[in-house]
Amino acid sequence: MASPASTIPLIERERVVRASFLGLILFSLGHFFIDLYSAALGTFQPLLGPKLGLSLTRAGILGGLLVFSASVMQPVYGYLSDRFHTRLFSALAPAVAGIFISALGLAPTFGWLVALVLLGGCGVASFHPQASARATHGLAGNRGHWMAIFISAGTLGLAAGPIYFSAFVTWLGLQRTYWAALPAVIITILLLALLPEHVRPAPHLRKHFDWQPLRAVWKPLTVLYFLVFIRSTVQVVFGQFLPLYLNRERGFAFTNAAYSLTLYLAAGAIGGFLGGRMADRFGGRRVILISMAGCLPFAALFFLTSGVASMIGLALTGLILLFTIPVNVVMAQELVPTQAGTVSALMMGFAWGMAGLIFIPLTGWAGDHFTLHHALAALNLFPVIGFFLALKLPK
């Protein structure tokens, strides 16, 4: 029979594991809704364009501003969360994102759209670094698997966003989509009530940020960054322009175009989960190589065919391309475990954001001057570059 003293560590370990799983569930739930709201702009674009007379170039600028606020700024929030160690960065984020983004339908001018997009993006940017750093905290082993659950929850939110907001537009009209913010407020209340406060470091460490671990691994970290940038370019531009492209140039109805974006993103959520499992078994480098090369034939199928075959190509492109989402984050966190929030923001936010900031407006401009079909099809060059870049990762 075990003595009372010997059972105390076991009881404590069980308590830590339960708390860790609760954190994973809460952060995954928050990730689902944060990314659901970040998908709203692409769904609104076919309606906001006619309402406010937006050109494709202006639509691209708007998308670029969203990724700047929601993604490029993530390292700033990652630095602040690593320094101040308060749960408010992630707990308040869903309400901030949901309230401002759900109000896009109320915007009377392009200037108001810009303001709402920037403010909503602040909530998205605040959530990701802290949540991705703490979602797997305390869960030993199979980190790729646990991170894949967290990442896939967000991708499922992205996939659900088009259906969610198109339903609100259909039922209540563009002017009353602010009701869509209600789940975000509820999630914030749950996070504030159930998410434990972070363990604060010693006072002399709170204002110190050590850059030495980042400098020590700058070469593989740089390769990882550009691989995320390449994948994000395709992912974020498709997320922004796919409904507009299908509606304008391929004759899809508004709801069918939104459902096609959901198909693409839902397949990507499955791909992210599978990629995390594959990385635990085969290694992250191999998964990245498979992803970059494997998505190309199916992207060609989407652009060169129509009907069911084209939609199958779209779904499989998203599935294989997004194998790498959890892989890149876990590899970066393992390179710099002491600055997990910062490197998570670098991989999930800054790379994604810079890709969108540059290529969403550029794709909009190309769509105005050529066609969205040609502009989007040209993005298939990026996975080719990514394949050869991934060969430089350490084996």
Foldseek 3Di string as FASTA:
>chain_A
DDDPVVCVVVVVLVVLVVLLQVLLVLLLLLLLLLLLLLLQLLLCVVVVCVQAVDALLLLLQLLLLLLCLQFQCLLVLLVVCLQAQWPCLALVLLLQLLQLSLQCLQDNHSVSSSVSSNRNSNSNSSRQLVSLLRSNPSPDPLPLLSSLSSVLSNLLSSLCNNVLQVVCCVPPNSNPSSVRSVVSVVSSVVCVVPNDGGDDDDPVCNRDDDCVLCVVPVVLLVLLLVLLLLLLLLVSLCSNCQLVQCVPPVPDDSSVSSNLSSLLSNLLSQLSNVLSVVCSPPNLLVLLLCLLVVLLVLLCQLLVDDDPSNSVSSSVNSNSSNSNLSSSLVVQCVSPVSSSSNSSSSNGGSSSSVSSNPLSSVLSVVCVVPNNSVSSSVSNVSSVVSNVSSVPNDD
